[in-house]
Amino acid sequence: MEARGKASWYGKKFQHHKTYNGESFDMYKLTAAHRYLPLGSYVRVTNLRTKKSVVVRINDRGPHIKNRMIDLSYAAAKAIGMTGIDTVRIEYVE
């Protein structure tokens, strides 16, 4: 599976809140929220602007804004050079 779309990120405001799978959100871990990918699955996220990529684990549901495809943790966004909203490619990692 491969898809392209808008990515955003979340951090301090949600630190230690419960994620959809019940764990405590940690903005310093490489995690992400996606609407339908299986919880616990891994995807490679590539920032199409910076060409940097990172592998994240899906542990939450979202994003809750219609035109966005994935919400990354602060650490994941930083790893791929995001400062705001960017266009990314996501690839399912087996």
N, C-alpha and C. Protein backbone atom coordinates (compact mmCIF):
# COMPACT_ATOMS: atom_id res chain seq x y z
N MET A 1 0.83 -1.17 0.00
CA MET A 1 0.00 0.00 0.00
C MET A 1 0.88 1.24 0.00
N GLU A 2 0.58 2.18 -0.85
CA GLU A 2 1.27 3.46 -0.89
C GLU A 2 0.23 4.55 -1.11
N ALA A 3 0.40 5.67 -0.43
CA ALA A 3 -0.52 6.79 -0.57
C ALA A 3 0.23 8.10 -0.37
N ARG A 4 -0.30 9.15 -0.93
CA ARG A 4 0.25 10.50 -0.76
C ARG A 4 -0.82 11.40 -0.22
N GLY A 5 -0.42 12.34 0.64
CA GLY A 5 -1.38 13.26 1.21
C GLY A 5 -0.71 14.20 2.18
N LYS A 6 -1.54 14.98 2.86
CA LYS A 6 -1.06 15.96 3.82
C LYS A 6 -0.83 15.32 5.19
N ALA A 7 0.26 15.72 5.81
CA ALA A 7 0.59 15.25 7.16
C ALA A 7 0.67 16.44 8.09
N SER A 8 0.26 16.21 9.32
CA SER A 8 0.42 17.20 10.38
C SER A 8 1.06 16.47 11.55
N TRP A 9 1.31 17.19 12.63
CA TRP A 9 1.93 16.55 13.78
C TRP A 9 1.31 17.08 15.07
N TYR A 10 1.47 16.30 16.14
CA TYR A 10 0.97 16.72 17.44
C TYR A 10 2.01 16.43 18.50
N GLY A 11 1.97 17.23 19.56
CA GLY A 11 3.03 17.13 20.56
C GLY A 11 2.58 17.47 21.96
N LYS A 12 3.16 18.50 22.52
CA LYS A 12 3.04 18.84 23.94
C LYS A 12 1.60 18.87 24.45
N LYS A 13 0.68 19.43 23.68
CA LYS A 13 -0.72 19.53 24.12
C LYS A 13 -1.33 18.16 24.43
N PHE A 14 -0.85 17.13 23.75
CA PHE A 14 -1.41 15.78 23.93
C PHE A 14 -0.50 14.84 24.71
N GLN A 15 0.62 15.35 25.18
CA GLN A 15 1.57 14.52 25.93
C GLN A 15 0.87 13.82 27.10
N HIS A 16 1.03 12.51 27.18
CA HIS A 16 0.50 11.64 28.23
C HIS A 16 -1.01 11.41 28.14
N HIS A 17 -1.69 11.93 27.11
CA HIS A 17 -3.09 11.59 26.91
C HIS A 17 -3.16 10.16 26.38
N LYS A 18 -4.27 9.51 26.60
CA LYS A 18 -4.45 8.14 26.11
C LYS A 18 -4.65 8.15 24.60
N THR A 19 -3.93 7.25 23.92
CA THR A 19 -4.14 7.06 22.49
C THR A 19 -5.28 6.07 22.29
N TYR A 20 -5.68 5.87 21.05
CA TYR A 20 -6.79 4.97 20.74
C TYR A 20 -6.53 3.55 21.22
N ASN A 21 -5.28 3.11 21.19
CA ASN A 21 -4.98 1.74 21.63
C ASN A 21 -4.76 1.65 23.14
N GLY A 22 -4.92 2.77 23.86
CA GLY A 22 -4.86 2.75 25.32
C GLY A 22 -3.53 3.13 25.93
N GLU A 23 -2.49 3.28 25.11
CA GLU A 23 -1.20 3.67 25.68
C GLU A 23 -1.13 5.18 25.85
N SER A 24 -0.21 5.61 26.65
CA SER A 24 0.00 7.03 26.89
C SER A 24 0.81 7.62 25.73
N PHE A 25 0.30 8.71 25.15
CA PHE A 25 1.01 9.36 24.05
C PHE A 25 2.33 9.93 24.54
N ASP A 26 3.38 9.64 23.80
CA ASP A 26 4.71 10.18 24.09
C ASP A 26 5.21 10.87 22.83
N MET A 27 5.29 12.17 22.87
CA MET A 27 5.66 12.95 21.70
C MET A 27 7.08 12.68 21.22
N TYR A 28 7.88 12.01 22.06
CA TYR A 28 9.27 11.71 21.71
C TYR A 28 9.47 10.31 21.11
N LYS A 29 8.37 9.57 20.92
CA LYS A 29 8.44 8.26 20.26
C LYS A 29 7.99 8.40 18.81
N LEU A 30 8.41 7.46 17.99
CA LEU A 30 8.08 7.50 16.56
C LEU A 30 6.75 6.80 16.33
N THR A 31 5.67 7.56 16.53
CA THR A 31 4.32 7.03 16.39
C THR A 31 3.49 7.96 15.52
N ALA A 32 2.28 7.48 15.17
CA ALA A 32 1.40 8.27 14.32
C ALA A 32 -0.05 7.85 14.50
N ALA A 33 -0.93 8.74 14.06
CA ALA A 33 -2.37 8.47 14.04
C ALA A 33 -2.81 8.37 12.58
N HIS A 34 -3.61 7.34 12.29
CA HIS A 34 -4.16 7.14 10.95
C HIS A 34 -5.60 6.68 11.10
N ARG A 35 -6.44 7.01 10.15
CA ARG A 35 -7.87 6.70 10.28
C ARG A 35 -8.19 5.21 10.24
N TYR A 36 -7.50 4.44 9.40
CA TYR A 36 -7.91 3.04 9.24
C TYR A 36 -6.80 2.00 9.22
N LEU A 37 -5.53 2.38 9.11
CA LEU A 37 -4.47 1.37 9.16
C LEU A 37 -4.52 0.64 10.49
N PRO A 38 -4.19 -0.64 10.51
CA PRO A 38 -4.27 -1.40 11.76
C PRO A 38 -3.36 -0.82 12.85
N LEU A 39 -3.91 -0.75 14.05
CA LEU A 39 -3.10 -0.32 15.19
C LEU A 39 -1.95 -1.30 15.36
N GLY A 40 -0.77 -0.78 15.63
CA GLY A 40 0.41 -1.62 15.78
C GLY A 40 1.17 -1.83 14.48
N SER A 41 0.60 -1.41 13.36
CA SER A 41 1.31 -1.56 12.08
C SER A 41 2.35 -0.46 11.92
N TYR A 42 3.26 -0.69 11.01
CA TYR A 42 4.34 0.26 10.75
C TYR A 42 4.25 0.79 9.33
N VAL A 43 4.52 2.09 9.19
CA VAL A 43 4.56 2.71 7.87
C VAL A 43 5.80 3.58 7.77
N ARG A 44 6.34 3.64 6.55
CA ARG A 44 7.43 4.58 6.26
C ARG A 44 6.79 5.85 5.74
N VAL A 45 7.12 6.97 6.37
CA VAL A 45 6.60 8.27 5.98
C VAL A 45 7.75 9.07 5.39
N THR A 46 7.57 9.53 4.15
CA THR A 46 8.59 10.32 3.47
C THR A 46 8.05 11.71 3.21
N ASN A 47 8.77 12.71 3.68
CA ASN A 47 8.41 14.10 3.42
C ASN A 47 8.85 14.39 1.98
N LEU A 48 7.91 14.73 1.12
CA LEU A 48 8.23 14.94 -0.29
C LEU A 48 9.01 16.23 -0.52
N ARG A 49 8.98 17.14 0.44
CA ARG A 49 9.74 18.38 0.32
C ARG A 49 11.20 18.16 0.68
N THR A 50 11.46 17.45 1.78
CA THR A 50 12.83 17.28 2.27
C THR A 50 13.47 15.97 1.81
N LYS A 51 12.64 15.04 1.34
CA LYS A 51 13.07 13.69 0.92
C LYS A 51 13.54 12.82 2.09
N LYS A 52 13.32 13.26 3.32
CA LYS A 52 13.67 12.47 4.51
C LYS A 52 12.52 11.54 4.84
N SER A 53 12.86 10.36 5.41
CA SER A 53 11.81 9.41 5.78
C SER A 53 12.06 8.84 7.17
N VAL A 54 11.00 8.31 7.74
CA VAL A 54 11.04 7.71 9.07
C VAL A 54 9.99 6.62 9.11
N VAL A 55 10.25 5.57 9.89
CA VAL A 55 9.27 4.51 10.10
C VAL A 55 8.58 4.77 11.44
N VAL A 56 7.25 4.76 11.41
CA VAL A 56 6.46 5.03 12.62
C VAL A 56 5.48 3.88 12.86
N ARG A 57 5.08 3.74 14.12
CA ARG A 57 4.07 2.74 14.49
C ARG A 57 2.74 3.45 14.67
N ILE A 58 1.68 2.90 14.09
CA ILE A 58 0.34 3.46 14.22
C ILE A 58 -0.22 3.06 15.58
N ASN A 59 -0.49 4.05 16.42
CA ASN A 59 -1.02 3.76 17.76
C ASN A 59 -2.25 4.60 18.11
N ASP A 60 -2.74 5.38 17.14
CA ASP A 60 -3.85 6.28 17.44
C ASP A 60 -4.71 6.45 16.19
N ARG A 61 -5.90 6.98 16.36
CA ARG A 61 -6.80 7.28 15.25
C ARG A 61 -6.82 8.77 14.99
N GLY A 62 -6.90 9.13 13.76
CA GLY A 62 -6.89 10.52 13.33
C GLY A 62 -6.26 10.54 11.95
N PRO A 63 -5.97 11.68 11.41
CA PRO A 63 -6.27 13.01 11.95
C PRO A 63 -7.76 13.31 11.86
N HIS A 64 -8.18 14.27 12.65
CA HIS A 64 -9.58 14.63 12.72
C HIS A 64 -9.92 15.81 11.83
N ILE A 65 -8.96 16.25 11.04
CA ILE A 65 -9.18 17.30 10.05
C ILE A 65 -9.26 16.63 8.69
N LYS A 66 -10.32 16.90 7.98
CA LYS A 66 -10.70 16.16 6.77
C LYS A 66 -9.60 16.00 5.72
N ASN A 67 -8.86 17.05 5.41
CA ASN A 67 -7.91 16.98 4.28
C ASN A 67 -6.53 16.46 4.66
N ARG A 68 -6.37 15.91 5.85
CA ARG A 68 -5.08 15.36 6.27
C ARG A 68 -5.13 13.85 6.33
N MET A 69 -4.00 13.22 5.97
CA MET A 69 -3.94 11.77 5.88
C MET A 69 -3.35 11.12 7.13
N ILE A 70 -2.39 11.78 7.78
CA ILE A 70 -1.70 11.18 8.91
C ILE A 70 -1.25 12.27 9.88
N ASP A 71 -1.30 11.96 11.16
CA ASP A 71 -0.78 12.85 12.21
C ASP A 71 0.45 12.17 12.81
N LEU A 72 1.57 12.83 12.77
CA LEU A 72 2.81 12.28 13.30
C LEU A 72 3.10 12.82 14.68
N SER A 73 3.81 12.05 15.47
CA SER A 73 4.30 12.57 16.76
C SER A 73 5.35 13.65 16.47
N TYR A 74 5.62 14.46 17.46
CA TYR A 74 6.63 15.51 17.33
C TYR A 74 7.96 14.93 16.86
N ALA A 75 8.39 13.82 17.46
CA ALA A 75 9.68 13.22 17.11
C ALA A 75 9.72 12.77 15.66
N ALA A 76 8.63 12.17 15.18
CA ALA A 76 8.58 11.71 13.80
C ALA A 76 8.60 12.89 12.84
N ALA A 77 7.84 13.93 13.16
CA ALA A 77 7.82 15.12 12.31
C ALA A 77 9.20 15.78 12.25
N LYS A 78 9.85 15.86 13.38
CA LYS A 78 11.18 16.45 13.43
C LYS A 78 12.17 15.64 12.60
N ALA A 79 12.05 14.31 12.65
CA ALA A 79 12.98 13.42 11.93
C ALA A 79 12.91 13.63 10.42
N ILE A 80 11.75 14.06 9.91
CA ILE A 80 11.63 14.25 8.46
C ILE A 80 11.60 15.73 8.07
N GLY A 81 11.92 16.59 9.01
CA GLY A 81 12.05 18.01 8.69
C GLY A 81 10.75 18.78 8.57
N MET A 82 9.69 18.30 9.20
CA MET A 82 8.42 19.04 9.15
C MET A 82 8.44 20.18 10.16
N THR A 83 7.89 21.30 9.75
CA THR A 83 7.72 22.43 10.67
C THR A 83 6.25 22.80 10.78
N GLY A 84 5.47 22.37 9.84
CA GLY A 84 4.02 22.62 9.82
C GLY A 84 3.36 21.45 9.13
N ILE A 85 2.55 21.74 8.14
CA ILE A 85 1.90 20.71 7.36
C ILE A 85 2.72 20.50 6.09
N ASP A 86 2.98 19.25 5.75
CA ASP A 86 3.74 18.92 4.54
C ASP A 86 3.04 17.79 3.79
N THR A 87 3.38 17.64 2.53
CA THR A 87 2.89 16.52 1.74
C THR A 87 3.87 15.36 1.92
N VAL A 88 3.29 14.19 2.19
CA VAL A 88 4.11 13.01 2.46
C VAL A 88 3.63 11.83 1.62
N ARG A 89 4.50 10.83 1.53
CA ARG A 89 4.15 9.53 0.97
C ARG A 89 4.21 8.54 2.13
N ILE A 90 3.21 7.70 2.27
CA ILE A 90 3.29 6.64 3.28
C ILE A 90 3.28 5.30 2.57
N GLU A 91 4.12 4.40 3.09
CA GLU A 91 4.23 3.05 2.56
C GLU A 91 4.12 2.07 3.71
N TYR A 92 3.25 1.10 3.56
CA TYR A 92 3.07 0.07 4.58
C TYR A 92 4.34 -0.77 4.66
N VAL A 93 4.84 -1.00 5.85
CA VAL A 93 6.04 -1.81 6.06
C VAL A 93 5.62 -3.17 6.59
N GLU A 94 5.99 -4.22 5.90
CA GLU A 94 5.62 -5.59 6.31
C GLU A 94 6.48 -6.07 7.44
